[in-house]
Protein backbone atom coordinates (compact mmCIF):
# COMPACT_ATOMS: atom_id res chain seq x y z
CA MET A 1 0.12 -0.11 0.14
CA SER A 2 1.56 3.43 -1.09
CA ALA A 3 2.42 5.78 1.52
CA ALA A 4 0.42 9.07 1.17
CA PRO A 5 1.78 12.12 -0.61
CA ALA A 6 3.11 14.51 1.78
CA ALA A 7 2.02 17.76 1.83
CA ALA A 8 3.63 20.48 0.18
CA PRO A 9 6.52 22.77 2.08
CA VAL A 10 4.91 25.64 4.08
CA VAL A 11 6.62 28.45 2.02
CA ARG A 12 5.05 26.77 -1.20
CA ARG A 13 1.75 26.75 -0.28
CA VAL A 14 1.57 30.41 1.13
CA ALA A 15 2.59 31.29 -2.31
CA ALA A 16 0.07 29.05 -4.08
CA GLN A 17 -2.43 30.80 -1.96
CA ALA A 18 -0.94 34.39 -2.32
CA SER A 19 -1.03 33.61 -5.99
CA PHE A 20 -4.51 32.82 -6.06
CA GLU A 21 -5.59 35.63 -4.26
CA THR A 22 -3.68 38.15 -6.63
CA ARG A 23 -5.58 36.55 -9.63
CA ALA A 24 -8.89 36.47 -8.00
CA ILE A 25 -8.43 40.38 -7.25
CA LEU A 26 -7.17 41.17 -10.68
CA ARG A 27 -9.81 38.94 -12.69
CA ASN A 28 -12.58 40.39 -10.97
CA GLY A 29 -14.00 43.29 -12.94
CA GLU A 30 -15.47 45.13 -9.81
CA GLN A 31 -12.32 44.78 -8.01
CA LEU A 32 -10.15 46.05 -10.91
CA LEU A 33 -12.17 48.93 -10.82
CA VAL A 34 -12.17 49.97 -7.28
CA THR A 35 -8.18 49.17 -7.39
CA ILE A 36 -6.79 50.42 -10.37
CA VAL A 37 -9.64 52.16 -12.37
CA LEU A 38 -10.72 54.66 -9.72
CA PRO A 39 -7.03 55.75 -8.63
CA VAL A 40 -5.66 56.39 -12.17
CA LEU A 41 -9.36 58.55 -12.47
CA VAL A 42 -8.39 60.17 -9.54
CA LEU A 43 -5.20 61.22 -10.54
CA PHE A 44 -6.20 62.75 -13.57
CA ALA A 45 -9.03 64.38 -12.75
CA LEU A 46 -7.02 66.25 -9.96
CA VAL A 47 -4.12 66.91 -12.11
CA ARG A 48 -5.81 67.70 -15.36
CA THR A 49 -8.86 69.92 -13.95
CA SER A 50 -9.48 72.48 -12.18
CA PHE A 51 -12.69 71.83 -10.61
CA VAL A 52 -11.20 71.40 -7.22
CA ASP A 53 -8.89 74.09 -5.60
CA LEU A 54 -5.99 73.13 -4.03
CA GLY A 55 -3.43 75.05 -2.04
CA THR A 56 -0.06 73.41 -4.03
CA ASN A 57 2.24 75.01 -1.40
CA GLY A 58 5.03 75.79 -4.17
CA PHE A 59 4.29 71.91 -5.31
CA SER A 60 3.04 70.99 -8.86
CA ARG A 61 -0.61 69.68 -8.78
CA VAL A 62 0.70 66.13 -10.05
CA ASP A 63 3.78 65.98 -7.07
CA LEU A 64 0.97 66.73 -4.58
CA VAL A 65 -1.52 64.71 -6.02
CA THR A 66 0.38 61.45 -6.83
CA PRO A 67 1.14 60.76 -2.63
CA GLY A 68 -2.47 61.11 -1.81
CA VAL A 69 -3.36 58.72 -5.02
CA LEU A 70 -0.99 55.76 -3.93
CA ALA A 71 -2.42 55.61 -0.44
CA LEU A 72 -5.85 55.71 -1.72
CA ALA A 73 -4.73 52.60 -3.89
CA VAL A 74 -3.48 51.01 -0.73
CA MET A 75 -6.62 51.99 0.76
CA SER A 76 -8.59 50.13 -1.84
CA THR A 77 -7.12 46.84 -1.85
CA ALA A 78 -5.45 46.52 1.42
CA PHE A 79 -9.16 47.53 3.23
CA THR A 80 -12.19 47.44 0.69
CA SER A 81 -11.34 44.35 -1.81
CA GLN A 82 -9.80 42.53 1.35
CA ALA A 83 -12.63 42.94 3.48
CA ILE A 84 -15.17 42.53 0.90
CA ALA A 85 -13.33 39.16 -0.65
CA THR A 86 -12.72 37.56 3.03
CA ALA A 87 -16.60 38.20 3.81
CA PHE A 88 -17.75 36.22 1.26
CA ASP A 89 -15.39 33.14 1.53
CA ARG A 90 -16.54 33.20 5.12
CA ARG A 91 -20.20 33.49 4.08
CA ASN A 92 -19.55 30.68 1.52
CA GLY A 93 -17.60 28.23 4.29
CA VAL A 94 -14.43 28.78 2.42
CA LEU A 95 -12.45 30.25 5.55
CA ARG A 96 -13.52 27.19 7.33
CA LEU A 97 -12.67 24.40 4.62
CA MET A 98 -8.93 26.29 4.17
CA ALA A 99 -8.31 26.42 7.53
CA THR A 100 -8.68 22.41 8.08
CA THR A 101 -6.25 21.92 4.76
CA PRO A 102 -2.45 22.03 5.73
CA LEU A 103 -2.44 25.63 4.52
CA GLY A 104 -3.62 26.29 7.86
CA ARG A 105 -5.64 29.63 8.81
CA SER A 106 -1.84 31.38 9.70
CA GLY A 107 -0.45 30.23 6.28
CA LEU A 108 -4.74 31.29 4.61
CA LEU A 109 -3.56 34.83 6.24
CA ALA A 110 -0.14 34.81 5.15
CA GLY A 111 -1.39 34.22 1.45
CA LYS A 112 -3.85 36.97 1.42
CA VAL A 113 -1.53 39.74 3.05
CA LEU A 114 0.97 38.72 0.36
CA GLY A 115 -1.52 38.63 -2.21
CA VAL A 116 -2.46 42.13 -1.32
CA LEU A 117 1.16 43.57 -1.34
CA THR A 118 1.53 41.55 -4.65
CA VAL A 119 -1.71 43.54 -6.31
CA GLU A 120 -0.21 46.67 -4.28
CA VAL A 121 2.96 46.15 -6.88
CA VAL A 122 0.83 46.32 -9.66
CA GLN A 123 -1.00 49.24 -8.21
CA VAL A 124 2.11 51.08 -7.83
CA ALA A 125 3.26 50.56 -11.13
CA VAL A 126 0.31 51.54 -12.95
CA ILE A 127 -0.15 54.88 -11.22
CA CYS A 128 3.44 55.90 -11.22
CA GLY A 129 3.48 55.34 -14.89
CA VAL A 130 0.46 57.43 -15.58
CA ALA A 131 1.75 60.11 -12.89
CA VAL A 132 5.19 60.56 -14.81
CA ALA A 133 3.21 60.45 -18.19
CA LEU A 134 1.32 63.69 -16.40
CA GLY A 135 4.95 65.05 -15.73
CA TRP A 136 5.46 63.72 -12.10
CA ARG A 137 9.24 63.33 -11.63
CA PRO A 138 10.05 61.30 -7.78
CA GLU A 139 12.81 61.67 -6.31
CA LEU A 140 14.30 57.75 -5.92
CA GLY A 141 15.81 57.96 -2.62
CA ALA A 142 12.17 58.75 -1.34
CA LEU A 143 11.60 54.60 -2.27
CA PRO A 144 12.40 53.33 1.20
CA ALA A 145 9.95 55.62 3.05
CA VAL A 146 7.75 55.08 0.37
CA VAL A 147 8.21 50.94 1.07
CA GLY A 148 7.92 51.72 4.65
CA THR A 149 4.70 53.86 4.54
CA VAL A 150 3.11 51.49 2.11
CA LEU A 151 3.87 48.19 4.26
CA LEU A 152 2.76 50.45 7.39
CA GLY A 153 -0.66 51.54 5.59
CA THR A 154 -1.39 48.05 4.80
CA ALA A 155 -1.29 46.44 8.19
CA ALA A 156 -3.32 48.95 9.30
CA PHE A 157 -5.95 48.68 6.50
CA THR A 158 -5.67 45.09 6.11
CA ALA A 159 -6.56 44.57 9.96
CA LEU A 160 -9.27 46.46 9.63
CA ALA A 161 -10.49 44.76 6.78
CA LEU A 162 -10.44 41.41 8.78
CA LEU A 163 -11.97 43.15 11.80
CA LEU A 164 -15.26 43.36 9.53
CA ALA A 165 -15.01 40.37 7.25
CA GLY A 166 -14.97 38.63 10.53
CA THR A 167 -17.37 39.98 12.50
CA LEU A 168 -20.69 41.39 9.94
CA ARG A 169 -22.46 39.10 7.53
CA ALA A 170 -21.09 39.49 4.09
CA GLU A 171 -23.83 41.99 2.79
CA GLY A 172 -23.15 44.10 5.82
CA VAL A 173 -19.27 44.19 4.99
CA LEU A 174 -20.00 44.76 1.19
CA ALA A 175 -22.02 48.09 1.87
CA VAL A 176 -19.70 49.42 5.22
CA ALA A 177 -16.35 48.41 3.13
CA ASN A 178 -17.75 50.51 0.27
CA LEU A 179 -18.84 53.58 2.26
CA VAL A 180 -15.95 53.54 4.81
CA LEU A 181 -13.61 53.95 1.40
CA VAL A 182 -15.81 57.12 0.24
CA LEU A 183 -15.97 58.45 3.44
CA LEU A 184 -11.98 58.12 4.00
CA THR A 185 -11.37 59.39 0.65
CA VAL A 186 -13.28 62.35 0.83
CA GLY A 187 -13.03 63.37 4.39
CA GLY A 188 -9.90 61.40 5.56
CA GLY A 189 -7.07 63.49 4.89
CA VAL A 190 -5.87 60.77 2.16
CA LEU A 191 -6.07 62.38 -1.14
CA LEU A 192 -5.27 65.74 0.16
CA PRO A 193 -3.32 67.43 3.59
CA ALA A 194 -5.84 67.11 6.64
CA GLN A 195 -4.91 70.93 6.77
CA GLN A 196 -7.23 71.62 3.49
CA LEU A 197 -9.82 70.11 5.14
CA ALA A 198 -12.90 72.12 6.48
CA GLY A 199 -13.19 73.11 10.34
CA PRO A 200 -13.02 69.96 12.85
CA LEU A 201 -11.92 67.23 10.08
CA ALA A 202 -8.56 69.00 9.39
CA HIS A 203 -7.57 67.93 13.28
CA VAL A 204 -9.40 64.78 12.66
CA ALA A 205 -8.33 63.28 10.11
CA VAL A 206 -4.83 63.22 11.13
CA LEU A 207 -5.71 60.73 13.86
CA LEU A 208 -7.39 58.44 11.51
CA PRO A 209 -5.45 55.44 9.58
CA SER A 210 -6.54 57.25 6.23
CA GLY A 211 -4.80 60.57 7.07
CA ALA A 212 -2.06 59.50 9.17
CA LEU A 213 -1.26 57.17 5.50
CA GLY A 214 -2.07 59.89 3.28
CA GLU A 215 0.89 62.15 5.67
CA ALA A 216 3.43 59.77 5.59
CA MET A 217 3.32 59.23 1.91
CA ARG A 218 3.40 63.02 1.16
CA GLY A 219 5.93 63.21 3.53
CA ALA A 220 8.05 60.45 2.17
CA LEU A 221 7.66 61.85 -1.33
CA LEU A 222 7.45 65.60 -1.23
CA HIS A 223 9.75 66.03 1.61
CA GLY A 224 11.79 62.64 1.65
CA ALA A 225 10.87 62.10 5.55
CA VAL A 226 7.82 60.48 7.01
CA PRO A 227 6.47 62.15 9.66
CA PRO A 228 7.03 60.63 13.25
CA PHE A 229 3.51 61.08 14.20
CA SER A 230 1.57 59.52 11.47
CA VAL A 231 4.32 56.16 11.85
CA VAL A 232 3.12 56.31 15.42
CA VAL A 233 -1.14 56.70 14.61
CA LEU A 234 -0.65 53.87 11.72
CA LEU A 235 1.28 51.42 14.26
CA ALA A 236 -1.70 52.10 16.84
CA TRP A 237 -4.38 51.29 14.53
CA THR A 238 -2.57 48.39 13.47
CA ALA A 239 -2.08 47.22 17.02
CA ALA A 240 -6.00 47.75 18.08
CA LEU A 241 -7.35 46.67 14.89
CA GLY A 242 -5.30 43.61 14.76
CA ALA A 243 -5.94 42.67 18.60
CA GLY A 244 -9.79 43.34 17.78
CA ALA A 245 -9.46 41.31 14.71
CA ALA A 246 -7.46 38.36 16.62
CA ARG A 247 -10.19 38.53 19.74
CA LEU A 248 -13.38 38.58 17.51
CA PHE A 249 -12.84 37.14 13.93
CA ARG A 250 -15.14 34.29 13.34
CA TRP A 251 -13.91 31.52 10.68
CA HIS A 252 -17.74 30.44 9.96
């Protein structure tokens, strides 16, 4: 009697799951619209039109807008896409099934995070390509700060995505995730500096993960350094949301 085949190594299992997660996002028309098309349209609209009066503080419109659009792209993938996909996987029993395979719960979560990061690489490449075509000329020395900012933002918003996906019904997650994305985009300090927001929003936005991510990205690309306060805010949100997800997430 032949022995049962051994499970693939952990790294290979996680890589396979990450590849599946990446393809699932990029092949889904609705997800592609949110993750790629929407940020590009926002970039083009804010750079090439003047219906939004931007206080550029001496920077060109494309220099000011591009960091915020990159931050929006991170939010759309790490939060909205991941929350919706995970919620429907949970409703359909996929999470419970995958958790019983050799991949396990930790492998499944690792695959999801790696899938998000892979999609973000595609997003950054597309958005930066469009921005360069519009006249953007970034400093290559800012790359390490940008990478660190993307990783921090991904951690915070993936934790938020898992908290929602693991506690609410799938239909509720679909509505809430899209609504939160719109609210944070409009008033969360992600696209434009928080000080350009009206009234109390200017003070509240810098305490939100969206505002901290936007300020961090602008600091990296406009000034070559990430504001320490933004790092602290993102770390605090990641810790709080991660703890909430670990405690409240339901696999079925």
